[in-house]
Amino acid sequence: MLALLAQASDSSQQSPFGAFGLLVPAALFFVIFYFIVMRPQAKTQNQHKAFLERLGKGDEVVTAGGVVGKVDKVAGDLVFVEVANNVKLRVLKAQIQGAYKAAEEKPAAAEEPAKK
């Protein structure tokens, strides 16, 4: 019986924030989550969307499948990508990952002298 009275007196003590005690950390967590995850992802999506809108003839692109080529023509949702001489692929515009940037290759003479 004394244990029940002790529990009843402990539960009457409340946090200084009252009923909003758990709401403040939850709101803080959401704000941090927004700035770390949601905002950068939205920025990346907007940049990709702008890239697809200004896609034009001669742009070097890479597709979701890893095919690299130059844009020959844009027709609505389709992009015609030239991957070799007279070889053109029809690719959905949504499957274009981005611009292709060739890796800078170092000249062979700059790497290591030939061992004899």
N, C-alpha and C. Protein backbone atom coordinates (compact mmCIF):
# COMPACT_ATOMS: atom_id res chain seq x y z
N MET A 1 0.81 -1.19 0.00
CA MET A 1 0.00 0.00 0.00
C MET A 1 0.86 1.26 0.00
N LEU A 2 1.95 1.22 0.72
CA LEU A 2 2.85 2.37 0.74
C LEU A 2 3.50 2.59 -0.63
N ALA A 3 3.74 1.49 -1.34
CA ALA A 3 4.35 1.60 -2.67
C ALA A 3 3.40 2.32 -3.63
N LEU A 4 2.11 2.05 -3.55
CA LEU A 4 1.15 2.73 -4.40
C LEU A 4 1.08 4.22 -4.10
N LEU A 5 1.16 4.58 -2.83
CA LEU A 5 1.15 5.99 -2.46
C LEU A 5 2.42 6.69 -2.95
N ALA A 6 3.54 6.00 -2.90
CA ALA A 6 4.80 6.58 -3.37
C ALA A 6 4.74 6.82 -4.89
N GLN A 7 4.16 5.87 -5.63
CA GLN A 7 4.04 6.04 -7.08
C GLN A 7 3.09 7.18 -7.41
N ALA A 8 2.02 7.32 -6.66
CA ALA A 8 1.06 8.38 -6.91
C ALA A 8 1.68 9.75 -6.68
N SER A 9 2.52 9.87 -5.66
CA SER A 9 3.16 11.16 -5.39
C SER A 9 4.23 11.47 -6.44
N ASP A 10 4.91 10.44 -7.02
CA ASP A 10 5.93 10.67 -8.05
C ASP A 10 5.30 11.12 -9.37
N SER A 11 4.12 10.58 -9.69
CA SER A 11 3.49 10.92 -10.96
C SER A 11 2.92 12.33 -10.95
N SER A 12 2.75 12.93 -9.79
CA SER A 12 2.23 14.28 -9.73
C SER A 12 3.30 15.30 -10.13
N GLN A 13 4.56 14.91 -10.13
CA GLN A 13 5.64 15.82 -10.56
C GLN A 13 5.66 15.85 -12.09
N GLN A 14 5.63 17.02 -12.64
CA GLN A 14 5.60 17.16 -14.10
C GLN A 14 6.84 17.90 -14.57
N SER A 15 7.11 17.76 -15.85
CA SER A 15 8.27 18.44 -16.41
C SER A 15 8.00 19.94 -16.48
N PRO A 16 9.05 20.74 -16.54
CA PRO A 16 8.85 22.19 -16.59
C PRO A 16 8.16 22.66 -17.88
N PHE A 17 8.21 21.84 -18.94
CA PHE A 17 7.57 22.21 -20.20
C PHE A 17 6.09 21.84 -20.22
N GLY A 18 5.63 21.13 -19.24
CA GLY A 18 4.23 20.72 -19.19
C GLY A 18 3.95 19.64 -20.22
N ALA A 19 2.84 19.77 -20.94
CA ALA A 19 2.43 18.78 -21.93
C ALA A 19 3.29 18.84 -23.19
N PHE A 20 4.02 19.91 -23.38
CA PHE A 20 4.85 20.06 -24.58
C PHE A 20 6.25 19.50 -24.39
N GLY A 21 6.49 18.79 -23.32
CA GLY A 21 7.81 18.25 -23.02
C GLY A 21 8.37 17.35 -24.10
N LEU A 22 7.54 16.52 -24.71
CA LEU A 22 8.01 15.63 -25.77
C LEU A 22 7.89 16.25 -27.16
N LEU A 23 7.13 17.31 -27.27
CA LEU A 23 6.93 17.95 -28.56
C LEU A 23 8.17 18.73 -29.00
N VAL A 24 8.87 19.33 -28.08
CA VAL A 24 10.06 20.12 -28.41
C VAL A 24 11.17 19.25 -29.02
N PRO A 25 11.55 18.12 -28.42
CA PRO A 25 12.58 17.29 -29.06
C PRO A 25 12.14 16.71 -30.41
N ALA A 26 10.86 16.39 -30.53
CA ALA A 26 10.36 15.86 -31.80
C ALA A 26 10.44 16.92 -32.89
N ALA A 27 10.09 18.15 -32.59
CA ALA A 27 10.17 19.24 -33.55
C ALA A 27 11.63 19.52 -33.92
N LEU A 28 12.50 19.47 -32.94
CA LEU A 28 13.93 19.68 -33.19
C LEU A 28 14.48 18.59 -34.09
N PHE A 29 14.07 17.35 -33.86
CA PHE A 29 14.49 16.23 -34.70
C PHE A 29 14.01 16.44 -36.14
N PHE A 30 12.78 16.87 -36.33
CA PHE A 30 12.25 17.09 -37.67
C PHE A 30 13.01 18.21 -38.39
N VAL A 31 13.33 19.28 -37.70
CA VAL A 31 14.08 20.39 -38.31
C VAL A 31 15.46 19.93 -38.75
N ILE A 32 16.15 19.17 -37.92
CA ILE A 32 17.47 18.65 -38.27
C ILE A 32 17.35 17.70 -39.46
N PHE A 33 16.37 16.81 -39.45
CA PHE A 33 16.15 15.87 -40.54
C PHE A 33 15.87 16.61 -41.85
N TYR A 34 15.11 17.69 -41.77
CA TYR A 34 14.78 18.47 -42.97
C TYR A 34 16.05 19.06 -43.59
N PHE A 35 16.91 19.67 -42.78
CA PHE A 35 18.10 20.32 -43.32
C PHE A 35 19.19 19.34 -43.74
N ILE A 36 19.22 18.15 -43.16
CA ILE A 36 20.27 17.18 -43.51
C ILE A 36 19.84 16.28 -44.66
N VAL A 37 18.57 15.91 -44.74
CA VAL A 37 18.13 14.94 -45.74
C VAL A 37 17.22 15.55 -46.82
N MET A 38 16.13 16.13 -46.43
CA MET A 38 15.10 16.51 -47.38
C MET A 38 15.51 17.68 -48.27
N ARG A 39 16.10 18.71 -47.72
CA ARG A 39 16.45 19.89 -48.50
C ARG A 39 17.53 19.61 -49.55
N PRO A 40 18.63 18.92 -49.21
CA PRO A 40 19.62 18.61 -50.25
C PRO A 40 19.06 17.70 -51.36
N GLN A 41 18.19 16.76 -51.00
CA GLN A 41 17.61 15.89 -52.01
C GLN A 41 16.71 16.68 -52.96
N ALA A 42 15.92 17.60 -52.44
CA ALA A 42 15.06 18.42 -53.28
C ALA A 42 15.91 19.31 -54.20
N LYS A 43 17.02 19.82 -53.69
CA LYS A 43 17.91 20.66 -54.50
C LYS A 43 18.49 19.84 -55.66
N THR A 44 18.92 18.61 -55.39
CA THR A 44 19.47 17.74 -56.43
C THR A 44 18.41 17.41 -57.47
N GLN A 45 17.19 17.14 -57.04
CA GLN A 45 16.10 16.83 -57.98
C GLN A 45 15.79 18.03 -58.88
N ASN A 46 15.82 19.23 -58.31
CA ASN A 46 15.54 20.42 -59.10
C ASN A 46 16.65 20.66 -60.13
N GLN A 47 17.91 20.41 -59.75
CA GLN A 47 19.01 20.57 -60.69
C GLN A 47 18.89 19.57 -61.84
N HIS A 48 18.53 18.31 -61.53
CA HIS A 48 18.38 17.29 -62.57
C HIS A 48 17.23 17.63 -63.51
N LYS A 49 16.13 18.12 -62.95
CA LYS A 49 14.98 18.51 -63.76
C LYS A 49 15.35 19.66 -64.69
N ALA A 50 16.10 20.64 -64.18
CA ALA A 50 16.55 21.76 -65.02
C ALA A 50 17.49 21.28 -66.11
N PHE A 51 18.35 20.31 -65.81
CA PHE A 51 19.26 19.75 -66.80
C PHE A 51 18.48 19.09 -67.92
N LEU A 52 17.47 18.31 -67.57
CA LEU A 52 16.67 17.62 -68.58
C LEU A 52 15.89 18.61 -69.46
N GLU A 53 15.45 19.72 -68.87
CA GLU A 53 14.70 20.72 -69.64
C GLU A 53 15.58 21.43 -70.66
N ARG A 54 16.84 21.66 -70.35
CA ARG A 54 17.72 22.37 -71.27
C ARG A 54 18.58 21.43 -72.12
N LEU A 55 18.24 20.14 -72.11
CA LEU A 55 18.95 19.15 -72.90
C LEU A 55 18.81 19.46 -74.38
N GLY A 56 19.92 19.46 -75.10
CA GLY A 56 19.87 19.81 -76.52
C GLY A 56 20.85 19.00 -77.34
N LYS A 57 20.82 19.23 -78.63
CA LYS A 57 21.67 18.50 -79.57
C LYS A 57 23.14 18.78 -79.27
N GLY A 58 23.94 17.70 -79.26
CA GLY A 58 25.37 17.83 -79.04
C GLY A 58 25.81 17.62 -77.60
N ASP A 59 24.88 17.56 -76.66
CA ASP A 59 25.24 17.34 -75.26
C ASP A 59 25.68 15.89 -75.07
N GLU A 60 26.77 15.68 -74.35
CA GLU A 60 27.19 14.32 -74.03
C GLU A 60 26.51 13.92 -72.74
N VAL A 61 25.83 12.77 -72.76
CA VAL A 61 25.06 12.31 -71.61
C VAL A 61 25.38 10.86 -71.30
N VAL A 62 25.02 10.46 -70.09
CA VAL A 62 25.12 9.06 -69.69
C VAL A 62 23.73 8.64 -69.22
N THR A 63 23.31 7.45 -69.65
CA THR A 63 21.98 6.96 -69.29
C THR A 63 22.04 6.15 -68.00
N ALA A 64 20.87 5.76 -67.52
CA ALA A 64 20.80 4.94 -66.31
C ALA A 64 21.46 3.59 -66.51
N GLY A 65 21.50 3.12 -67.73
CA GLY A 65 22.14 1.84 -68.03
C GLY A 65 23.63 1.94 -68.25
N GLY A 66 24.17 3.17 -68.22
CA GLY A 66 25.60 3.36 -68.39
C GLY A 66 26.03 3.62 -69.81
N VAL A 67 25.09 3.82 -70.71
CA VAL A 67 25.42 4.10 -72.11
C VAL A 67 25.79 5.58 -72.23
N VAL A 68 26.93 5.84 -72.88
CA VAL A 68 27.41 7.20 -73.06
C VAL A 68 27.26 7.57 -74.53
N GLY A 69 26.76 8.76 -74.80
CA GLY A 69 26.63 9.20 -76.18
C GLY A 69 26.27 10.66 -76.26
N LYS A 70 26.13 11.15 -77.50
CA LYS A 70 25.76 12.54 -77.74
C LYS A 70 24.29 12.61 -78.13
N VAL A 71 23.61 13.62 -77.64
CA VAL A 71 22.20 13.82 -77.96
C VAL A 71 22.11 14.26 -79.42
N ASP A 72 21.28 13.55 -80.18
CA ASP A 72 21.06 13.89 -81.58
C ASP A 72 19.79 14.71 -81.73
N LYS A 73 18.75 14.30 -81.00
CA LYS A 73 17.46 14.97 -81.12
C LYS A 73 16.65 14.73 -79.86
N VAL A 74 15.86 15.71 -79.45
CA VAL A 74 14.94 15.58 -78.32
C VAL A 74 13.53 15.73 -78.86
N ALA A 75 12.70 14.72 -78.62
CA ALA A 75 11.32 14.74 -79.10
C ALA A 75 10.39 14.35 -77.95
N GLY A 76 9.92 15.35 -77.23
CA GLY A 76 9.02 15.09 -76.11
C GLY A 76 9.73 14.34 -74.99
N ASP A 77 9.25 13.13 -74.68
CA ASP A 77 9.86 12.32 -73.63
C ASP A 77 10.99 11.44 -74.15
N LEU A 78 11.22 11.45 -75.47
CA LEU A 78 12.27 10.62 -76.06
C LEU A 78 13.49 11.46 -76.39
N VAL A 79 14.65 10.85 -76.19
CA VAL A 79 15.92 11.47 -76.56
C VAL A 79 16.64 10.48 -77.47
N PHE A 80 17.08 10.94 -78.61
CA PHE A 80 17.84 10.11 -79.52
C PHE A 80 19.31 10.34 -79.24
N VAL A 81 20.00 9.29 -78.78
CA VAL A 81 21.40 9.38 -78.37
C VAL A 81 22.26 8.64 -79.39
N GLU A 82 23.23 9.34 -79.94
CA GLU A 82 24.14 8.72 -80.90
C GLU A 82 25.33 8.16 -80.12
N VAL A 83 25.50 6.83 -80.18
CA VAL A 83 26.56 6.17 -79.42
C VAL A 83 27.76 5.82 -80.29
N ALA A 84 27.58 5.79 -81.61
CA ALA A 84 28.66 5.55 -82.58
C ALA A 84 28.20 6.16 -83.90
N ASN A 85 29.05 6.10 -84.91
CA ASN A 85 28.66 6.64 -86.21
C ASN A 85 27.43 5.90 -86.73
N ASN A 86 26.39 6.67 -87.01
CA ASN A 86 25.13 6.14 -87.54
C ASN A 86 24.47 5.10 -86.64
N VAL A 87 24.75 5.12 -85.36
CA VAL A 87 24.08 4.23 -84.39
C VAL A 87 23.39 5.13 -83.37
N LYS A 88 22.06 5.15 -83.42
CA LYS A 88 21.28 6.02 -82.54
C LYS A 88 20.34 5.16 -81.71
N LEU A 89 20.25 5.50 -80.44
CA LEU A 89 19.35 4.80 -79.52
C LEU A 89 18.24 5.75 -79.09
N ARG A 90 17.04 5.19 -78.97
CA ARG A 90 15.93 5.96 -78.40
C ARG A 90 15.94 5.70 -76.90
N VAL A 91 16.02 6.75 -76.14
CA VAL A 91 16.09 6.64 -74.68
C VAL A 91 15.03 7.57 -74.09
N LEU A 92 14.34 7.09 -73.06
CA LEU A 92 13.41 7.96 -72.36
C LEU A 92 14.18 9.07 -71.64
N LYS A 93 13.63 10.26 -71.68
CA LYS A 93 14.30 11.40 -71.08
C LYS A 93 14.52 11.19 -69.58
N ALA A 94 13.61 10.48 -68.93
CA ALA A 94 13.73 10.23 -67.49
C ALA A 94 14.91 9.32 -67.17
N GLN A 95 15.40 8.58 -68.17
CA GLN A 95 16.52 7.64 -67.93
C GLN A 95 17.88 8.28 -68.17
N ILE A 96 17.91 9.55 -68.49
CA ILE A 96 19.19 10.26 -68.62
C ILE A 96 19.65 10.64 -67.22
N GLN A 97 20.83 10.13 -66.84
CA GLN A 97 21.34 10.39 -65.49
C GLN A 97 21.96 11.77 -65.37
N GLY A 98 22.69 12.18 -66.39
CA GLY A 98 23.33 13.49 -66.32
C GLY A 98 24.32 13.66 -67.44
N ALA A 99 25.06 14.74 -67.35
CA ALA A 99 26.08 15.04 -68.35
C ALA A 99 27.26 14.10 -68.14
N TYR A 100 27.89 13.72 -69.24
CA TYR A 100 29.06 12.84 -69.16
C TYR A 100 30.31 13.69 -69.09
N LYS A 101 31.10 13.44 -68.08
CA LYS A 101 32.37 14.13 -67.92
C LYS A 101 33.45 13.08 -67.98
N ALA A 102 34.26 13.11 -69.03
CA ALA A 102 35.33 12.12 -69.19
C ALA A 102 36.38 12.33 -68.10
N ALA A 103 36.88 11.21 -67.59
CA ALA A 103 37.93 11.29 -66.57
C ALA A 103 39.20 11.80 -67.22
N GLU A 104 39.89 12.66 -66.51
CA GLU A 104 41.15 13.21 -67.02
C GLU A 104 42.20 12.12 -66.96
N GLU A 105 42.78 11.82 -68.10
CA GLU A 105 43.82 10.80 -68.15
C GLU A 105 45.19 11.45 -68.07
N LYS A 106 46.08 10.83 -67.29
CA LYS A 106 47.43 11.34 -67.18
C LYS A 106 48.26 10.77 -68.32
N PRO A 107 49.17 11.55 -68.84
CA PRO A 107 50.04 11.00 -69.89
C PRO A 107 50.90 9.88 -69.34
N ALA A 108 51.22 8.91 -70.19
CA ALA A 108 51.99 7.74 -69.75
C ALA A 108 53.37 8.14 -69.26
N ALA A 109 53.97 9.18 -69.83
CA ALA A 109 55.32 9.59 -69.45
C ALA A 109 55.34 10.19 -68.04
N ALA A 110 54.24 10.72 -67.59
CA ALA A 110 54.20 11.37 -66.29
C ALA A 110 54.04 10.37 -65.15
N GLU A 111 53.58 9.17 -65.45
CA GLU A 111 53.32 8.20 -64.37
C GLU A 111 54.59 7.66 -63.77
N GLU A 112 55.23 6.74 -64.46
CA GLU A 112 56.45 6.12 -63.95
C GLU A 112 57.37 5.80 -65.10
N PRO A 113 58.65 6.02 -64.95
CA PRO A 113 59.54 5.67 -66.06
C PRO A 113 59.56 4.14 -66.23
N ALA A 114 59.75 3.72 -67.47
CA ALA A 114 59.75 2.28 -67.77
C ALA A 114 60.92 1.60 -67.10
N LYS A 115 60.66 0.47 -66.48
CA LYS A 115 61.72 -0.30 -65.80
C LYS A 115 62.37 -1.24 -66.78
N LYS A 116 63.69 -1.34 -66.69
CA LYS A 116 64.42 -2.23 -67.60
C LYS A 116 64.96 -3.40 -66.87
